[in-house]
Amino acid sequence: MPSGYNKQSSNPARPTFRKNAITLYAWLAGLAVNALRSFTDVLPLQFKFAHPRTLRRWWLSFPVDLYLSDKALFVILRPRWHRDWWQERILHLNAQKIRIPWLAERLLLFSLDSLPRAESPSDPSEAS
């Protein structure tokens, strides 16, 4: 990504910023903040106004498996905590029957994997 500085400035000791580079950065940062804020509106109350790193650790960073068939794209989620919340959202999403236009109108289906017997859902704040 370009730095925003005009490296071909007539005065190299005091380069100016490229036009709209800072505006674009601020606009993208604002979009990210709005997206995270909207996301926290549907999370449990303890995550309202949570820091982005907290949201990433608890909600956005977990393994998934993708399977592509002739008629659908299956997304198998493997979250370690808040599985009941995910199950509610999956039922809501699957009921919408979302189609992916750029994948030949395949249906997008979500599912939770079964919890492995050796692993129990743990709280990431208790990890050392």
C-alpha atoms as a PDB file:
ATOM      1  CA  MET A   1       0.000   0.000   0.000  1.00  0.00           C
ATOM      2  CA  PRO A   2       1.429   3.411  -0.837  1.00  0.00           C
ATOM      3  CA  SER A   3       2.487   5.560   2.083  1.00  0.00           C
ATOM      4  CA  GLY A   4       0.507   8.624   1.112  1.00  0.00           C
ATOM      5  CA  TYR A   5       3.587  10.816   0.748  1.00  0.00           C
ATOM      6  CA  ASN A   6       4.247  12.369  -2.643  1.00  0.00           C
ATOM      7  CA  LYS A   7       7.794  11.134  -3.284  1.00  0.00           C
ATOM      8  CA  GLN A   8       8.084  13.162  -6.506  1.00  0.00           C
ATOM      9  CA  SER A   9       7.464  16.421  -4.654  1.00  0.00           C
ATOM     10  CA  SER A  10       9.177  19.574  -5.888  1.00  0.00           C
ATOM     11  CA  ASN A  11      10.582  19.977  -2.346  1.00  0.00           C
ATOM     12  CA  PRO A  12      11.833  16.507  -1.199  1.00  0.00           C
ATOM     13  CA  ALA A  13      12.659  17.827   2.288  1.00  0.00           C
ATOM     14  CA  ARG A  14       8.952  18.615   2.789  1.00  0.00           C
ATOM     15  CA  PRO A  15       6.916  16.212   0.655  1.00  0.00           C
ATOM     16  CA  THR A  16       3.202  16.763   0.587  1.00  0.00           C
ATOM     17  CA  PHE A  17       0.598  14.086   1.021  1.00  0.00           C
ATOM     18  CA  ARG A  18      -1.023  12.607  -2.034  1.00  0.00           C
ATOM     19  CA  LYS A  19      -4.470  13.992  -2.590  1.00  0.00           C
ATOM     20  CA  ASN A  20      -7.140  11.988  -0.785  1.00  0.00           C
ATOM     21  CA  ALA A  21      -4.712   9.452   0.743  1.00  0.00           C
ATOM     22  CA  ILE A  22      -5.517  10.471   4.325  1.00  0.00           C
ATOM     23  CA  THR A  23      -9.204  10.823   3.480  1.00  0.00           C
ATOM     24  CA  LEU A  24      -9.258   7.299   2.073  1.00  0.00           C
ATOM     25  CA  TYR A  25      -7.517   5.919   5.173  1.00  0.00           C
ATOM     26  CA  ALA A  26      -9.957   7.709   7.491  1.00  0.00           C
ATOM     27  CA  TRP A  27     -12.905   6.471   5.441  1.00  0.00           C
ATOM     28  CA  LEU A  28     -11.677   2.848   5.607  1.00  0.00           C
ATOM     29  CA  ALA A  29     -11.062   3.118   9.354  1.00  0.00           C
ATOM     30  CA  GLY A  30     -14.577   4.496   9.779  1.00  0.00           C
ATOM     31  CA  LEU A  31     -16.049   1.611   7.779  1.00  0.00           C
ATOM     32  CA  ALA A  32     -14.192  -0.892   9.974  1.00  0.00           C
ATOM     33  CA  VAL A  33     -15.410   0.798  13.164  1.00  0.00           C
ATOM     34  CA  ASN A  34     -19.003   0.830  11.905  1.00  0.00           C
ATOM     35  CA  ALA A  35     -18.820  -2.836  10.894  1.00  0.00           C
ATOM     36  CA  LEU A  36     -17.467  -3.882  14.302  1.00  0.00           C
ATOM     37  CA  ARG A  37     -20.032  -1.718  16.089  1.00  0.00           C
ATOM     38  CA  SER A  38     -22.869  -3.326  14.119  1.00  0.00           C
ATOM     39  CA  PHE A  39     -21.413  -6.755  14.868  1.00  0.00           C
ATOM     40  CA  THR A  40     -21.294  -6.078  18.619  1.00  0.00           C
ATOM     41  CA  ASP A  41     -24.986  -5.092  18.552  1.00  0.00           C
ATOM     42  CA  VAL A  42     -25.923  -8.769  18.087  1.00  0.00           C
ATOM     43  CA  LEU A  43     -23.346 -10.202  20.512  1.00  0.00           C
ATOM     44  CA  PRO A  44     -23.966 -10.904  24.194  1.00  0.00           C
ATOM     45  CA  LEU A  45     -24.076  -7.743  26.303  1.00  0.00           C
ATOM     46  CA  GLN A  46     -20.598  -8.239  27.796  1.00  0.00           C
ATOM     47  CA  PHE A  47     -19.080  -7.657  24.323  1.00  0.00           C
ATOM     48  CA  LYS A  48     -20.853  -4.358  23.628  1.00  0.00           C
ATOM     49  CA  PHE A  49     -18.117  -1.777  22.839  1.00  0.00           C
ATOM     50  CA  ALA A  50     -15.391  -4.432  23.188  1.00  0.00           C
ATOM     51  CA  HIS A  51     -11.910  -3.720  21.861  1.00  0.00           C
ATOM     52  CA  PRO A  52     -11.292  -5.060  18.324  1.00  0.00           C
ATOM     53  CA  ARG A  53      -8.590  -7.443  19.604  1.00  0.00           C
ATOM     54  CA  THR A  54     -11.072  -8.887  22.090  1.00  0.00           C
ATOM     55  CA  LEU A  55     -13.609  -9.387  19.309  1.00  0.00           C
ATOM     56  CA  ARG A  56     -11.008 -11.065  17.147  1.00  0.00           C
ATOM     57  CA  ARG A  57      -9.917 -13.411  19.925  1.00  0.00           C
ATOM     58  CA  TRP A  58     -13.443 -14.392  21.012  1.00  0.00           C
ATOM     59  CA  TRP A  59     -15.502 -14.164  17.812  1.00  0.00           C
ATOM     60  CA  LEU A  60     -13.544 -13.815  14.599  1.00  0.00           C
ATOM     61  CA  SER A  61     -10.556 -16.122  14.871  1.00  0.00           C
ATOM     62  CA  PHE A  62     -11.475 -19.779  14.722  1.00  0.00           C
ATOM     63  CA  PRO A  63     -11.022 -22.575  12.187  1.00  0.00           C
ATOM     64  CA  VAL A  64     -13.554 -23.268   9.461  1.00  0.00           C
ATOM     65  CA  ASP A  65     -13.790 -25.883   6.732  1.00  0.00           C
ATOM     66  CA  LEU A  66     -15.179 -25.120   3.281  1.00  0.00           C
ATOM     67  CA  TYR A  67     -16.726 -27.778   1.068  1.00  0.00           C
ATOM     68  CA  LEU A  68     -17.879 -26.967  -2.445  1.00  0.00           C
ATOM     69  CA  SER A  69     -20.474 -29.151  -4.177  1.00  0.00           C
ATOM     70  CA  ASP A  70     -22.352 -28.711  -7.439  1.00  0.00           C
ATOM     71  CA  LYS A  71     -25.229 -26.931  -5.689  1.00  0.00           C
ATOM     72  CA  ALA A  72     -23.862 -25.479  -2.437  1.00  0.00           C
ATOM     73  CA  LEU A  73     -20.915 -24.095  -0.507  1.00  0.00           C
ATOM     74  CA  PHE A  74     -20.808 -25.613   2.980  1.00  0.00           C
ATOM     75  CA  VAL A  75     -19.102 -23.618   5.725  1.00  0.00           C
ATOM     76  CA  ILE A  76     -18.376 -25.752   8.789  1.00  0.00           C
ATOM     77  CA  LEU A  77     -17.595 -23.526  11.773  1.00  0.00           C
ATOM     78  CA  ARG A  78     -15.494 -24.743  14.680  1.00  0.00           C
ATOM     79  CA  PRO A  79     -15.829 -22.076  17.395  1.00  0.00           C
ATOM     80  CA  ARG A  80     -14.503 -22.993  20.826  1.00  0.00           C
ATOM     81  CA  TRP A  81     -16.934 -20.876  22.872  1.00  0.00           C
ATOM     82  CA  HIS A  82     -20.430 -19.394  22.631  1.00  0.00           C
ATOM     83  CA  ARG A  83     -21.589 -22.332  20.518  1.00  0.00           C
ATOM     84  CA  ASP A  84     -25.245 -21.731  21.460  1.00  0.00           C
ATOM     85  CA  TRP A  85     -25.000 -18.184  20.074  1.00  0.00           C
ATOM     86  CA  TRP A  86     -23.439 -19.476  16.862  1.00  0.00           C
ATOM     87  CA  GLN A  87     -26.150 -22.123  16.507  1.00  0.00           C
ATOM     88  CA  GLU A  88     -28.869 -19.440  16.677  1.00  0.00           C
ATOM     89  CA  ARG A  89     -27.095 -17.341  14.019  1.00  0.00           C
ATOM     90  CA  ILE A  90     -26.581 -20.362  11.777  1.00  0.00           C
ATOM     91  CA  LEU A  91     -30.293 -21.205  11.888  1.00  0.00           C
ATOM     92  CA  HIS A  92     -31.087 -17.584  10.998  1.00  0.00           C
ATOM     93  CA  LEU A  93     -28.565 -17.469   8.132  1.00  0.00           C
ATOM     94  CA  ASN A  94     -29.570 -20.818   6.643  1.00  0.00           C
ATOM     95  CA  ALA A  95     -33.246 -19.792   6.732  1.00  0.00           C
ATOM     96  CA  GLN A  96     -32.390 -16.849   4.438  1.00  0.00           C
ATOM     97  CA  LYS A  97     -31.258 -19.244   1.691  1.00  0.00           C
ATOM     98  CA  ILE A  98     -28.328 -17.068   0.620  1.00  0.00           C
ATOM     99  CA  ARG A  99     -27.134 -17.598  -2.960  1.00  0.00           C
ATOM    100  CA  ILE A 100     -23.618 -16.758  -4.200  1.00  0.00           C
ATOM    101  CA  PRO A 101     -23.889 -15.164  -7.662  1.00  0.00           C
ATOM    102  CA  TRP A 102     -20.191 -15.538  -8.586  1.00  0.00           C
ATOM    103  CA  LEU A 103     -20.272 -19.265  -7.731  1.00  0.00           C
ATOM    104  CA  ALA A 104     -22.997 -20.221 -10.220  1.00  0.00           C
ATOM    105  CA  GLU A 105     -25.799 -19.334  -7.761  1.00  0.00           C
ATOM    106  CA  ARG A 106     -24.707 -21.969  -5.257  1.00  0.00           C
ATOM    107  CA  LEU A 107     -26.500 -22.027  -1.919  1.00  0.00           C
ATOM    108  CA  LEU A 108     -24.439 -20.912   1.108  1.00  0.00           C
ATOM    109  CA  LEU A 109     -24.978 -23.252   4.066  1.00  0.00           C
ATOM    110  CA  PHE A 110     -23.454 -22.942   7.524  1.00  0.00           C
ATOM    111  CA  SER A 111     -23.049 -25.650  10.138  1.00  0.00           C
ATOM    112  CA  LEU A 112     -21.283 -26.277  13.443  1.00  0.00           C
ATOM    113  CA  ASP A 113     -18.969 -29.220  13.715  1.00  0.00           C
ATOM    114  CA  SER A 114     -19.436 -31.671  16.533  1.00  0.00           C
ATOM    115  CA  LEU A 115     -17.366 -30.839  19.584  1.00  0.00           C
ATOM    116  CA  PRO A 116     -14.382 -33.209  19.933  1.00  0.00           C
ATOM    117  CA  ARG A 117     -14.601 -35.365  23.047  1.00  0.00           C
ATOM    118  CA  ALA A 118     -11.103 -34.449  24.279  1.00  0.00           C
ATOM    119  CA  GLU A 119     -11.695 -30.717  23.962  1.00  0.00           C
ATOM    120  CA  SER A 120     -14.142 -28.744  26.004  1.00  0.00           C
ATOM    121  CA  PRO A 121     -15.134 -25.159  25.306  1.00  0.00           C
ATOM    122  CA  SER A 122     -12.789 -22.980  27.283  1.00  0.00           C
ATOM    123  CA  ASP A 123     -12.623 -19.322  28.132  1.00  0.00           C
ATOM    124  CA  PRO A 124      -9.694 -17.597  26.326  1.00  0.00           C
ATOM    125  CA  SER A 125      -9.223 -15.259  29.292  1.00  0.00           C
ATOM    126  CA  GLU A 126      -8.308 -18.271  31.446  1.00  0.00           C
ATOM    127  CA  ALA A 127      -5.556 -19.418  29.070  1.00  0.00           C
ATOM    128  CA  SER A 128      -2.045 -18.743  30.251  1.00  0.00           C
END
